[in-house]
Amino acid sequence: MTKKESVDFVIETLEKLYPEPPIPLKHKDPYTLLIAVLLSAQSTDERVNTITPILFAKANNPHDMIKLSVDEIKEIIRPVGLSPMKSKGIYGLSHILIDKHNGKVPQNFEDLEALPAVGHKTASVVMSQAFNIPAFPVDTHIHRLMYRWNLSSGKNVIQTEKDAKRLFPKELWNKLHLQIIYYAREYSPARGWNLEKDIITKTIGRKSVIAKYYKDNNKN
């Protein structure tokens, strides 16, 4: 298969499996999405989705959030992990949104990435999912699959994002990054991976990855 044929195969397969992928994190607007994405760092969407209703019942906008103390926020979000850093980030960015952005989440990478605890991936998720501006957030799932599919070197997430944006049509980025995440969780996880069910990797996968899989599983 040529690279273009591989890319087309990925797009067609994902479109069949996930024609309308939902946004995994529960939210009602750009602010609540921003907070949910920030909380999801080194945590799971499921865990975040159990905590955000509790937090948002007390504060679902920056004006109410800064009425809470950092310690109060930390106590609520403790189960998602990294709560000392995340609570300071939530409190700090809520202040900045009020002081600099009229309480609104900015719709550009520069201002988003200037917010405390907001990195490029978080900003990319907000841009794509809150504002429908083309972005390609790369999480561990996408990083893993782009390597397994021989579409990126796996060197780092920056390179993976560049490769994804170069290979896939811009108008598909926002949908595609969600489709890949769902596929990764269901068919191509890091642990407990069954290559026989992973049609994309089995069809276009990196030869060394497939060889290692069979070697590790003592299969011919």
Protein backbone atom coordinates (compact mmCIF):
# COMPACT_ATOMS: atom_id res chain seq x y z
CA MET A 1 0.00 0.00 0.00
CA THR A 2 1.17 3.54 -0.74
CA LYS A 3 1.04 6.13 2.05
CA LYS A 4 -2.01 7.70 0.42
CA GLU A 5 -3.76 4.32 0.20
CA SER A 6 -2.97 3.71 3.87
CA VAL A 7 -4.39 7.11 4.81
CA ASP A 8 -7.53 6.49 2.73
CA PHE A 9 -7.96 3.08 4.36
CA VAL A 10 -7.74 4.64 7.84
CA ILE A 11 -10.31 7.32 6.96
CA GLU A 12 -12.75 4.86 5.38
CA THR A 13 -12.49 2.31 8.21
CA LEU A 14 -12.95 4.91 10.95
CA GLU A 15 -15.88 6.48 9.13
CA LYS A 16 -17.65 3.10 9.04
CA LEU A 17 -16.98 2.39 12.71
CA TYR A 18 -17.52 5.88 14.16
CA PRO A 19 -19.63 8.00 11.79
CA GLU A 20 -20.51 10.47 14.57
CA PRO A 21 -17.97 10.26 17.39
CA PRO A 22 -19.20 12.06 20.52
CA ILE A 23 -16.93 14.37 22.52
CA PRO A 24 -15.83 12.17 25.45
CA LEU A 25 -15.74 14.89 28.12
CA LYS A 26 -19.05 16.20 29.45
CA HIS A 27 -19.36 19.97 29.13
CA LYS A 28 -21.87 22.68 28.23
CA ASP A 29 -19.71 25.47 26.81
CA PRO A 30 -16.07 26.39 26.03
CA TYR A 31 -15.24 27.17 29.68
CA THR A 32 -16.48 23.87 31.08
CA LEU A 33 -14.74 22.01 28.25
CA LEU A 34 -11.48 23.84 28.99
CA ILE A 35 -11.69 22.85 32.66
CA ALA A 36 -12.59 19.24 31.81
CA VAL A 37 -9.68 18.91 29.36
CA LEU A 38 -7.27 20.41 31.89
CA LEU A 39 -8.48 17.88 34.47
CA SER A 40 -8.05 14.97 32.05
CA ALA A 41 -4.24 15.27 31.97
CA GLN A 42 -2.83 11.94 33.21
CA SER A 43 -6.33 10.83 34.15
CA THR A 44 -9.22 9.10 32.38
CA ASP A 45 -12.24 10.70 30.76
CA GLU A 46 -14.48 8.46 32.88
CA ARG A 47 -12.96 9.73 36.12
CA VAL A 48 -13.12 13.35 34.96
CA ASN A 49 -16.79 12.92 34.00
CA THR A 50 -17.60 11.80 37.57
CA ILE A 51 -15.86 14.83 39.11
CA THR A 52 -16.86 17.71 36.82
CA PRO A 53 -20.59 17.60 37.73
CA ILE A 54 -19.60 18.12 41.39
CA LEU A 55 -17.24 20.98 40.52
CA PHE A 56 -19.60 22.60 38.01
CA ALA A 57 -22.51 22.45 40.46
CA LYS A 58 -20.50 24.93 42.56
CA ALA A 59 -18.85 26.85 39.70
CA ASN A 60 -19.42 26.45 35.97
CA ASN A 61 -18.05 29.86 34.95
CA PRO A 62 -14.92 31.84 35.84
CA HIS A 63 -16.78 34.35 38.04
CA ASP A 64 -18.10 31.61 40.33
CA MET A 65 -14.84 29.64 40.18
CA ILE A 66 -12.76 32.46 41.71
CA LYS A 67 -15.23 32.61 44.61
CA LEU A 68 -13.84 29.20 45.60
CA SER A 69 -10.38 28.95 47.13
CA VAL A 70 -7.60 26.92 45.53
CA ASP A 71 -7.93 24.47 48.43
CA GLU A 72 -11.66 24.05 47.87
CA ILE A 73 -11.08 23.33 44.17
CA LYS A 74 -8.24 20.94 45.08
CA GLU A 75 -10.45 18.98 47.45
CA ILE A 76 -13.18 18.49 44.82
CA ILE A 77 -10.82 17.45 42.01
CA ARG A 78 -8.47 15.30 44.14
CA PRO A 79 -9.69 11.97 42.60
CA VAL A 80 -8.46 12.95 39.10
CA GLY A 81 -4.85 13.31 40.28
CA LEU A 82 -2.32 16.17 40.13
CA SER A 83 -4.85 18.21 42.11
CA PRO A 84 -2.35 20.76 43.58
CA MET A 85 -1.20 21.88 40.11
CA LYS A 86 -4.62 21.59 38.46
CA SER A 87 -6.45 23.53 41.19
CA LYS A 88 -3.95 26.42 40.93
CA GLY A 89 -4.31 26.32 37.15
CA ILE A 90 -8.11 26.42 37.25
CA TYR A 91 -8.16 29.27 39.74
CA GLY A 92 -5.44 31.21 37.92
CA LEU A 93 -6.87 30.86 34.42
CA SER A 94 -10.35 31.82 35.66
CA HIS A 95 -8.89 35.09 36.97
CA ILE A 96 -7.09 35.73 33.67
CA LEU A 97 -10.25 35.05 31.64
CA ILE A 98 -12.08 37.68 33.69
CA ASP A 99 -9.23 40.23 33.71
CA LYS A 100 -8.09 39.89 30.09
CA HIS A 101 -10.87 38.21 28.09
CA ASN A 102 -14.18 39.49 29.52
CA GLY A 103 -14.79 36.10 31.14
CA LYS A 104 -14.72 34.31 27.78
CA VAL A 105 -12.43 31.53 26.59
CA PRO A 106 -10.22 32.95 23.79
CA GLN A 107 -10.48 31.41 20.33
CA ASN A 108 -6.80 31.35 19.44
CA PHE A 109 -3.80 29.20 20.35
CA GLU A 110 -1.60 32.03 21.61
CA ASP A 111 -4.02 33.23 24.30
CA LEU A 112 -5.11 29.72 25.25
CA GLU A 113 -1.55 28.46 25.70
CA ALA A 114 -0.72 31.54 27.79
CA LEU A 115 -3.24 30.35 30.43
CA PRO A 116 -1.89 28.50 33.50
CA ALA A 117 -1.82 24.68 33.15
CA VAL A 118 -2.93 24.88 29.50
CA GLY A 119 -0.53 23.26 27.06
CA HIS A 120 -0.72 22.83 23.30
CA LYS A 121 -2.79 19.63 23.47
CA THR A 122 -5.40 21.17 25.78
CA ALA A 123 -5.56 24.27 23.57
CA SER A 124 -5.96 22.05 20.48
CA VAL A 125 -8.89 20.16 22.04
CA VAL A 126 -10.64 23.41 22.95
CA MET A 127 -10.05 24.91 19.50
CA SER A 128 -11.41 21.84 17.71
CA GLN A 129 -14.22 20.75 20.03
CA ALA A 130 -15.45 24.06 21.43
CA PHE A 131 -14.93 26.33 18.42
CA ASN A 132 -14.75 23.89 15.48
CA ILE A 133 -11.45 25.41 14.36
CA PRO A 134 -9.25 22.75 12.67
CA ALA A 135 -6.70 21.26 15.07
CA PHE A 136 -5.24 17.82 15.64
CA PRO A 137 -4.77 17.19 19.38
CA VAL A 138 -2.34 14.31 19.88
CA ASP A 139 -2.82 12.24 23.03
CA THR A 140 -1.10 8.96 23.94
CA HIS A 141 -3.64 6.96 21.88
CA ILE A 142 -3.07 8.93 18.68
CA HIS A 143 0.69 8.95 19.24
CA ARG A 144 0.67 5.15 19.62
CA LEU A 145 -1.52 4.46 16.59
CA MET A 146 0.24 6.84 14.22
CA TYR A 147 3.42 4.85 15.00
CA ARG A 148 1.73 1.45 14.76
CA TRP A 149 0.19 2.47 11.43
CA ASN A 150 3.60 3.53 10.08
CA LEU A 151 2.30 7.07 9.56
CA SER A 152 4.74 8.73 11.98
CA SER A 153 8.15 7.99 13.45
CA GLY A 154 6.93 7.97 17.05
CA LYS A 155 9.80 10.32 17.94
CA ASN A 156 7.58 12.71 19.91
CA VAL A 157 4.04 14.12 19.94
CA ILE A 158 5.15 17.27 18.10
CA GLN A 159 6.32 15.19 15.15
CA THR A 160 3.20 13.02 15.32
CA GLU A 161 0.98 16.11 15.12
CA LYS A 162 2.95 17.46 12.14
CA ASP A 163 2.63 14.12 10.33
CA ALA A 164 -1.09 13.82 11.07
CA LYS A 165 -1.74 17.32 9.75
CA ARG A 166 0.36 16.66 6.66
CA LEU A 167 -1.28 13.31 5.83
CA PHE A 168 -4.95 13.88 6.67
CA PRO A 169 -7.24 16.47 5.00
CA LYS A 170 -7.69 19.56 7.18
CA GLU A 171 -11.49 19.37 7.02
CA LEU A 172 -11.35 15.93 8.72
CA TRP A 173 -8.95 16.76 11.57
CA ASN A 174 -11.54 17.58 14.24
CA LYS A 175 -13.57 14.44 13.64
CA LEU A 176 -10.63 12.18 12.88
CA HIS A 177 -8.75 12.76 16.12
CA LEU A 178 -11.84 11.61 18.03
CA GLN A 179 -12.34 8.61 15.75
CA ILE A 180 -8.74 7.51 16.28
CA ILE A 181 -9.10 7.80 20.07
CA TYR A 182 -12.23 5.63 20.07
CA TYR A 183 -10.59 3.10 17.76
CA ALA A 184 -7.45 3.00 19.93
CA ARG A 185 -9.43 2.29 23.07
CA GLU A 186 -11.57 -0.39 21.47
CA TYR A 187 -9.24 -2.14 19.02
CA SER A 188 -5.65 -1.04 19.57
CA PRO A 189 -4.94 -0.43 23.26
CA ALA A 190 -1.47 -0.23 24.79
CA ARG A 191 -2.18 -3.29 26.98
CA GLY A 192 -4.29 -6.34 26.20
CA TRP A 193 -3.95 -5.69 22.49
CA ASN A 194 -5.39 -8.28 20.10
CA LEU A 195 -3.96 -7.68 16.63
CA GLU A 196 -6.50 -10.03 15.06
CA LYS A 197 -9.28 -7.56 15.96
CA ASP A 198 -7.22 -4.52 15.01
CA ILE A 199 -8.05 -4.41 11.28
CA ILE A 200 -6.20 -1.16 10.57
CA THR A 201 -2.87 -2.17 12.12
CA LYS A 202 -3.17 -5.66 10.67
CA THR A 203 -3.67 -4.18 7.20
CA ILE A 204 -1.25 -1.23 7.10
CA GLY A 205 0.80 -1.59 10.29
CA ARG A 206 4.53 -1.09 10.71
CA LYS A 207 6.23 -4.42 9.95
CA SER A 208 8.46 -4.27 13.04
CA VAL A 209 5.44 -3.68 15.31
CA ILE A 210 3.54 -6.62 13.83
CA ALA A 211 6.61 -8.88 14.01
CA LYS A 212 7.15 -7.96 17.66
CA TYR A 213 3.48 -8.65 18.43
CA TYR A 214 3.70 -12.17 17.03
CA LYS A 215 7.04 -12.80 18.73
CA ASP A 216 5.71 -11.60 22.11
CA ASN A 217 2.62 -13.73 21.73
CA ASN A 218 4.54 -16.77 20.42
CA LYS A 219 2.53 -16.86 17.23
CA ASN A 220 3.77 -17.83 13.82
